[in-house]
Amino acid sequence: MKLPVVSGRDAVNAFRKAGYEFDEQHGSHIILRHANPPHRRLSVPNHKELAKGTLRTLIREAGLTVEEFAGML
């Protein structure tokens, strides 16, 4: 499946549906952590459009497939 074009805010909302919660923010990066162990953390840039490689890495680190992520948008 082709990666969707999403903003940082849209990606954060999708990851929240996957069990991630807002932890903190450093500049333009929103840090999310998973509610259940292992406590994985994601650093999502709050940009208008996320780079394809960045988005693919975030999806992989979250333990999701592109299809699962797209379904949460």
PDB file of N, CA and C in Angstrom:
ATOM      1  N   MET A   1       0.851  -1.188   0.000  1.00  0.00           N
ATOM      2  CA  MET A   1       0.000   0.000   0.000  1.00  0.00           C
ATOM      3  C   MET A   1       0.886   1.238   0.000  1.00  0.00           C
ATOM      4  N   LYS A   2       0.436   2.248  -0.697  1.00  0.00           N
ATOM      5  CA  LYS A   2       1.177   3.503  -0.778  1.00  0.00           C
ATOM      6  C   LYS A   2       0.976   4.306   0.503  1.00  0.00           C
ATOM      7  N   LEU A   3       2.026   4.991   0.947  1.00  0.00           N
ATOM      8  CA  LEU A   3       1.932   5.803   2.158  1.00  0.00           C
ATOM      9  C   LEU A   3       1.007   6.988   1.935  1.00  0.00           C
ATOM     10  N   PRO A   4       0.134   7.276   2.880  1.00  0.00           N
ATOM     11  CA  PRO A   4      -0.717   8.468   2.750  1.00  0.00           C
ATOM     12  C   PRO A   4       0.099   9.730   3.042  1.00  0.00           C
ATOM     13  N   VAL A   5      -0.343  10.861   2.492  1.00  0.00           N
ATOM     14  CA  VAL A   5       0.272  12.148   2.789  1.00  0.00           C
ATOM     15  C   VAL A   5      -0.467  12.717   3.993  1.00  0.00           C
ATOM     16  N   VAL A   6       0.252  12.893   5.096  1.00  0.00           N
ATOM     17  CA  VAL A   6      -0.389  13.365   6.326  1.00  0.00           C
ATOM     18  C   VAL A   6       0.445  14.454   6.981  1.00  0.00           C
ATOM     19  N   SER A   7      -0.231  15.263   7.783  1.00  0.00           N
ATOM     20  CA  SER A   7       0.456  16.268   8.582  1.00  0.00           C
ATOM     21  C   SER A   7       0.883  15.625   9.900  1.00  0.00           C
ATOM     22  N   GLY A   8       1.714  16.331  10.619  1.00  0.00           N
ATOM     23  CA  GLY A   8       2.133  15.829  11.925  1.00  0.00           C
ATOM     24  C   GLY A   8       0.959  15.674  12.873  1.00  0.00           C
ATOM     25  N   ARG A   9       0.032  16.625  12.826  1.00  0.00           N
ATOM     26  CA  ARG A   9      -1.139  16.587  13.706  1.00  0.00           C
ATOM     27  C   ARG A   9      -2.018  15.376  13.376  1.00  0.00           C
ATOM     28  N   ASP A  10      -2.208  15.087  12.076  1.00  0.00           N
ATOM     29  CA  ASP A  10      -3.007  13.919  11.681  1.00  0.00           C
ATOM     30  C   ASP A  10      -2.334  12.623  12.134  1.00  0.00           C
ATOM     31  N   ALA A  11      -1.009  12.573  12.035  1.00  0.00           N
ATOM     32  CA  ALA A  11      -0.277  11.382  12.464  1.00  0.00           C
ATOM     33  C   ALA A  11      -0.425  11.175  13.970  1.00  0.00           C
ATOM     34  N   VAL A  12      -0.338  12.261  14.736  1.00  0.00           N
ATOM     35  CA  VAL A  12      -0.500  12.174  16.192  1.00  0.00           C
ATOM     36  C   VAL A  12      -1.877  11.616  16.527  1.00  0.00           C
ATOM     37  N   ASN A  13      -2.920  12.106  15.847  1.00  0.00           N
ATOM     38  CA  ASN A  13      -4.280  11.621  16.110  1.00  0.00           C
ATOM     39  C   ASN A  13      -4.410  10.138  15.783  1.00  0.00           C
ATOM     40  N   ALA A  14      -3.774   9.683  14.701  1.00  0.00           N
ATOM     41  CA  ALA A  14      -3.820   8.264  14.342  1.00  0.00           C
ATOM     42  C   ALA A  14      -3.087   7.427  15.382  1.00  0.00           C
ATOM     43  N   PHE A  15      -1.910   7.885  15.828  1.00  0.00           N
ATOM     44  CA  PHE A  15      -1.164   7.130  16.838  1.00  0.00           C
ATOM     45  C   PHE A  15      -1.903   7.099  18.169  1.00  0.00           C
ATOM     46  N   ARG A  16      -2.693   8.130  18.478  1.00  0.00           N
ATOM     47  CA  ARG A  16      -3.488   8.119  19.705  1.00  0.00           C
ATOM     48  C   ARG A  16      -4.514   6.991  19.660  1.00  0.00           C
ATOM     49  N   LYS A  17      -5.072   6.738  18.484  1.00  0.00           N
ATOM     50  CA  LYS A  17      -6.034   5.641  18.334  1.00  0.00           C
ATOM     51  C   LYS A  17      -5.349   4.291  18.526  1.00  0.00           C
ATOM     52  N   ALA A  18      -4.019   4.252  18.322  1.00  0.00           N
ATOM     53  CA  ALA A  18      -3.258   3.016  18.476  1.00  0.00           C
ATOM     54  C   ALA A  18      -2.760   2.834  19.911  1.00  0.00           C
ATOM     55  N   GLY A  19      -3.161   3.731  20.829  1.00  0.00           N
ATOM     56  CA  GLY A  19      -2.789   3.575  22.234  1.00  0.00           C
ATOM     57  C   GLY A  19      -1.682   4.489  22.706  1.00  0.00           C
ATOM     58  N   TYR A  20      -1.240   5.423  21.866  1.00  0.00           N
ATOM     59  CA  TYR A  20      -0.197   6.368  22.280  1.00  0.00           C
ATOM     60  C   TYR A  20      -0.839   7.586  22.918  1.00  0.00           C
ATOM     61  N   GLU A  21      -0.128   8.178  23.878  1.00  0.00           N
ATOM     62  CA  GLU A  21      -0.617   9.355  24.584  1.00  0.00           C
ATOM     63  C   GLU A  21       0.408  10.468  24.489  1.00  0.00           C
ATOM     64  N   PHE A  22      -0.059  11.719  24.544  1.00  0.00           N
ATOM     65  CA  PHE A  22       0.847  12.865  24.547  1.00  0.00           C
ATOM     66  C   PHE A  22       1.704  12.807  25.797  1.00  0.00           C
ATOM     67  N   ASP A  23       3.016  12.982  25.625  1.00  0.00           N
ATOM     68  CA  ASP A  23       3.930  12.979  26.764  1.00  0.00           C
ATOM     69  C   ASP A  23       4.482  14.381  26.984  1.00  0.00           C
ATOM     70  N   GLU A  24       5.090  14.947  25.947  1.00  0.00           N
ATOM     71  CA  GLU A  24       5.656  16.288  26.046  1.00  0.00           C
ATOM     72  C   GLU A  24       5.912  16.816  24.644  1.00  0.00           C
ATOM     73  N   GLN A  25       6.322  18.090  24.573  1.00  0.00           N
ATOM     74  CA  GLN A  25       6.651  18.673  23.281  1.00  0.00           C
ATOM     75  C   GLN A  25       7.947  19.447  23.404  1.00  0.00           C
ATOM     76  N   HIS A  26       8.826  19.227  22.428  1.00  0.00           N
ATOM     77  CA  HIS A  26      10.104  19.936  22.354  1.00  0.00           C
ATOM     78  C   HIS A  26      10.137  20.666  21.028  1.00  0.00           C
ATOM     79  N   GLY A  27       9.932  21.980  21.051  1.00  0.00           N
ATOM     80  CA  GLY A  27       9.913  22.735  19.804  1.00  0.00           C
ATOM     81  C   GLY A  27       8.773  22.257  18.934  1.00  0.00           C
ATOM     82  N   SER A  28       9.103  21.830  17.713  1.00  0.00           N
ATOM     83  CA  SER A  28       8.058  21.385  16.785  1.00  0.00           C
ATOM     84  C   SER A  28       7.848  19.875  16.834  1.00  0.00           C
ATOM     85  N   HIS A  29       8.469  19.189  17.789  1.00  0.00           N
ATOM     86  CA  HIS A  29       8.328  17.730  17.879  1.00  0.00           C
ATOM     87  C   HIS A  29       7.428  17.345  19.049  1.00  0.00           C
ATOM     88  N   ILE A  30       6.403  16.566  18.735  1.00  0.00           N
ATOM     89  CA  ILE A  30       5.461  16.077  19.743  1.00  0.00           C
ATOM     90  C   ILE A  30       5.910  14.677  20.149  1.00  0.00           C
ATOM     91  N   ILE A  31       6.149  14.482  21.429  1.00  0.00           N
ATOM     92  CA  ILE A  31       6.611  13.194  21.942  1.00  0.00           C
ATOM     93  C   ILE A  31       5.399  12.431  22.470  1.00  0.00           C
ATOM     94  N   LEU A  32       5.226  11.226  21.938  1.00  0.00           N
ATOM     95  CA  LEU A  32       4.127  10.353  22.364  1.00  0.00           C
ATOM     96  C   LEU A  32       4.720   9.133  23.041  1.00  0.00           C
ATOM     97  N   ARG A  33       4.021   8.587  24.021  1.00  0.00           N
ATOM     98  CA  ARG A  33       4.462   7.338  24.630  1.00  0.00           C
ATOM     99  C   ARG A  33       3.284   6.391  24.678  1.00  0.00           C
ATOM    100  N   HIS A  34       3.592   5.101  24.631  1.00  0.00           N
ATOM    101  CA  HIS A  34       2.533   4.088  24.661  1.00  0.00           C
ATOM    102  C   HIS A  34       2.113   3.845  26.093  1.00  0.00           C
ATOM    103  N   ALA A  35       0.833   3.634  26.286  1.00  0.00           N
ATOM    104  CA  ALA A  35       0.284   3.463  27.631  1.00  0.00           C
ATOM    105  C   ALA A  35       0.734   2.154  28.276  1.00  0.00           C
ATOM    106  N   ASN A  36       0.955   1.113  27.478  1.00  0.00           N
ATOM    107  CA  ASN A  36       1.323  -0.193  28.013  1.00  0.00           C
ATOM    108  C   ASN A  36       2.787  -0.501  27.737  1.00  0.00           C
ATOM    109  N   PRO A  37       3.438  -1.265  28.626  1.00  0.00           N
ATOM    110  CA  PRO A  37       4.826  -1.659  28.382  1.00  0.00           C
ATOM    111  C   PRO A  37       4.938  -2.499  27.121  1.00  0.00           C
ATOM    112  N   PRO A  38       6.046  -2.521  26.404  1.00  0.00           N
ATOM    113  CA  PRO A  38       7.198  -1.665  26.681  1.00  0.00           C
ATOM    114  C   PRO A  38       6.876  -0.212  26.330  1.00  0.00           C
ATOM    115  N   HIS A  39       7.404   0.693  27.112  1.00  0.00           N
ATOM    116  CA  HIS A  39       7.096   2.108  26.938  1.00  0.00           C
ATOM    117  C   HIS A  39       7.850   2.686  25.750  1.00  0.00           C
ATOM    118  N   ARG A  40       7.295   2.465  24.575  1.00  0.00           N
ATOM    119  CA  ARG A  40       7.902   3.021  23.372  1.00  0.00           C
ATOM    120  C   ARG A  40       7.526   4.486  23.259  1.00  0.00           C
ATOM    121  N   ARG A  41       8.454   5.272  22.724  1.00  0.00           N
ATOM    122  CA  ARG A  41       8.207   6.698  22.534  1.00  0.00           C
ATOM    123  C   ARG A  41       8.375   7.033  21.064  1.00  0.00           C
ATOM    124  N   LEU A  42       7.511   7.896  20.580  1.00  0.00           N
ATOM    125  CA  LEU A  42       7.589   8.372  19.205  1.00  0.00           C
ATOM    126  C   LEU A  42       7.775   9.883  19.235  1.00  0.00           C
ATOM    127  N   SER A  43       8.636  10.387  18.361  1.00  0.00           N
ATOM    128  CA  SER A  43       8.848  11.816  18.219  1.00  0.00           C
ATOM    129  C   SER A  43       8.311  12.226  16.855  1.00  0.00           C
ATOM    130  N   VAL A  44       7.138  12.875  16.855  1.00  0.00           N
ATOM    131  CA  VAL A  44       6.457  13.226  15.615  1.00  0.00           C
ATOM    132  C   VAL A  44       6.665  14.707  15.324  1.00  0.00           C
ATOM    133  N   PRO A  45       7.296  15.044  14.175  1.00  0.00           N
ATOM    134  CA  PRO A  45       7.441  16.457  13.820  1.00  0.00           C
ATOM    135  C   PRO A  45       6.071  17.059  13.509  1.00  0.00           C
ATOM    136  N   ASN A  46       5.785  18.214  14.068  1.00  0.00           N
ATOM    137  CA  ASN A  46       4.490  18.861  13.835  1.00  0.00           C
ATOM    138  C   ASN A  46       4.600  19.745  12.592  1.00  0.00           C
ATOM    139  N   HIS A  47       4.718  19.106  11.428  1.00  0.00           N
ATOM    140  CA  HIS A  47       4.859  19.807  10.155  1.00  0.00           C
ATOM    141  C   HIS A  47       3.578  19.669   9.344  1.00  0.00           C
ATOM    142  N   LYS A  48       3.427  20.523   8.335  1.00  0.00           N
ATOM    143  CA  LYS A  48       2.235  20.454   7.475  1.00  0.00           C
ATOM    144  C   LYS A  48       2.180  19.144   6.711  1.00  0.00           C
ATOM    145  N   GLU A  49       3.352  18.631   6.333  1.00  0.00           N
ATOM    146  CA  GLU A  49       3.412  17.356   5.618  1.00  0.00           C
ATOM    147  C   GLU A  49       4.656  16.604   6.076  1.00  0.00           C
ATOM    148  N   LEU A  50       4.466  15.375   6.535  1.00  0.00           N
ATOM    149  CA  LEU A  50       5.592  14.560   6.994  1.00  0.00           C
ATOM    150  C   LEU A  50       6.306  13.947   5.792  1.00  0.00           C
ATOM    151  N   ALA A  51       7.628  13.893   5.862  1.00  0.00           N
ATOM    152  CA  ALA A  51       8.409  13.236   4.818  1.00  0.00           C
ATOM    153  C   ALA A  51       8.075  11.746   4.809  1.00  0.00           C
ATOM    154  N   LYS A  52       8.098  11.136   3.626  1.00  0.00           N
ATOM    155  CA  LYS A  52       7.725   9.722   3.485  1.00  0.00           C
ATOM    156  C   LYS A  52       8.582   8.821   4.373  1.00  0.00           C
ATOM    157  N   GLY A  53       9.897   9.038   4.386  1.00  0.00           N
ATOM    158  CA  GLY A  53      10.790   8.208   5.190  1.00  0.00           C
ATOM    159  C   GLY A  53      10.522   8.358   6.679  1.00  0.00           C
ATOM    160  N   THR A  54      10.256   9.584   7.098  1.00  0.00           N
ATOM    161  CA  THR A  54       9.948   9.842   8.508  1.00  0.00           C
ATOM    162  C   THR A  54       8.672   9.127   8.913  1.00  0.00           C
ATOM    163  N   LEU A  55       7.643   9.243   8.063  1.00  0.00           N
ATOM    164  CA  LEU A  55       6.364   8.603   8.365  1.00  0.00           C
ATOM    165  C   LEU A  55       6.504   7.086   8.406  1.00  0.00           C
ATOM    166  N   ARG A  56       7.229   6.524   7.442  1.00  0.00           N
ATOM    167  CA  ARG A  56       7.411   5.069   7.401  1.00  0.00           C
ATOM    168  C   ARG A  56       8.138   4.587   8.654  1.00  0.00           C
ATOM    169  N   THR A  57       9.148   5.324   9.100  1.00  0.00           N
ATOM    170  CA  THR A  57       9.894   4.960  10.307  1.00  0.00           C
ATOM    171  C   THR A  57       8.998   5.030  11.540  1.00  0.00           C
ATOM    172  N   LEU A  58       8.183   6.086  11.646  1.00  0.00           N
ATOM    173  CA  LEU A  58       7.277   6.211  12.793  1.00  0.00           C
ATOM    174  C   LEU A  58       6.278   5.064  12.835  1.00  0.00           C
ATOM    175  N   ILE A  59       5.744   4.691  11.674  1.00  0.00           N
ATOM    176  CA  ILE A  59       4.779   3.593  11.615  1.00  0.00           C
ATOM    177  C   ILE A  59       5.446   2.294  12.054  1.00  0.00           C
ATOM    178  N   ARG A  60       6.678   2.056  11.582  1.00  0.00           N
ATOM    179  CA  ARG A  60       7.409   0.840  11.941  1.00  0.00           C
ATOM    180  C   ARG A  60       7.705   0.818  13.434  1.00  0.00           C
ATOM    181  N   GLU A  61       8.156   1.957  13.996  1.00  0.00           N
ATOM    182  CA  GLU A  61       8.479   2.017  15.419  1.00  0.00           C
ATOM    183  C   GLU A  61       7.237   1.812  16.287  1.00  0.00           C
ATOM    184  N   ALA A  62       6.075   2.195  15.768  1.00  0.00           N
ATOM    185  CA  ALA A  62       4.834   2.018  16.515  1.00  0.00           C
ATOM    186  C   ALA A  62       4.328   0.581  16.441  1.00  0.00           C
ATOM    187  N   GLY A  63       4.971  -0.245  15.610  1.00  0.00           N
ATOM    188  CA  GLY A  63       4.559  -1.634  15.494  1.00  0.00           C
ATOM    189  C   GLY A  63       3.315  -1.813  14.632  1.00  0.00           C
ATOM    190  N   LEU A  64       3.084  -0.873  13.718  1.00  0.00           N
ATOM    191  CA  LEU A  64       1.915  -0.922  12.853  1.00  0.00           C
ATOM    192  C   LEU A  64       2.319  -1.206  11.413  1.00  0.00           C
ATOM    193  N   THR A  65       1.352  -1.612  10.612  1.00  0.00           N
ATOM    194  CA  THR A  65       1.562  -1.701   9.173  1.00  0.00           C
ATOM    195  C   THR A  65       0.999  -0.421   8.562  1.00  0.00           C
ATOM    196  N   VAL A  66       1.373  -0.160   7.310  1.00  0.00           N
ATOM    197  CA  VAL A  66       0.860   1.028   6.631  1.00  0.00           C
ATOM    198  C   VAL A  66      -0.663   0.945   6.526  1.00  0.00           C
ATOM    199  N   GLU A  67      -1.191  -0.253   6.295  1.00  0.00           N
ATOM    200  CA  GLU A  67      -2.642  -0.420   6.181  1.00  0.00           C
ATOM    201  C   GLU A  67      -3.344  -0.105   7.502  1.00  0.00           C
ATOM    202  N   GLU A  68      -2.767  -0.583   8.610  1.00  0.00           N
ATOM    203  CA  GLU A  68      -3.352  -0.307   9.931  1.00  0.00           C
ATOM    204  C   GLU A  68      -3.331   1.185  10.208  1.00  0.00           C
ATOM    205  N   PHE A  69      -2.199   1.831   9.905  1.00  0.00           N
ATOM    206  CA  PHE A  69      -2.074   3.268  10.137  1.00  0.00           C
ATOM    207  C   PHE A  69      -3.088   4.033   9.300  1.00  0.00           C
ATOM    208  N   ALA A  70      -3.197   3.686   8.024  1.00  0.00           N
ATOM    209  CA  ALA A  70      -4.133   4.376   7.123  1.00  0.00           C
ATOM    210  C   ALA A  70      -5.576   4.213   7.611  1.00  0.00           C
ATOM    211  N   GLY A  71      -5.890   3.075   8.183  1.00  0.00           N
ATOM    212  CA  GLY A  71      -7.237   2.851   8.711  1.00  0.00           C
ATOM    213  C   GLY A  71      -7.562   3.707   9.921  1.00  0.00           C
ATOM    214  N   MET A  72      -6.550   4.209  10.605  1.00  0.00           N
ATOM    215  CA  MET A  72      -6.756   5.031  11.793  1.00  0.00           C
ATOM    216  C   MET A  72      -6.849   6.524  11.482  1.00  0.00           C
ATOM    217  N   LEU A  73      -6.584   6.881  10.231  1.00  0.00           N
ATOM    218  CA  LEU A  73      -6.629   8.299   9.863  1.00  0.00           C
ATOM    219  C   LEU A  73      -8.061   8.815   9.814  1.00  0.00           C
TER     220      LEU A  73
END
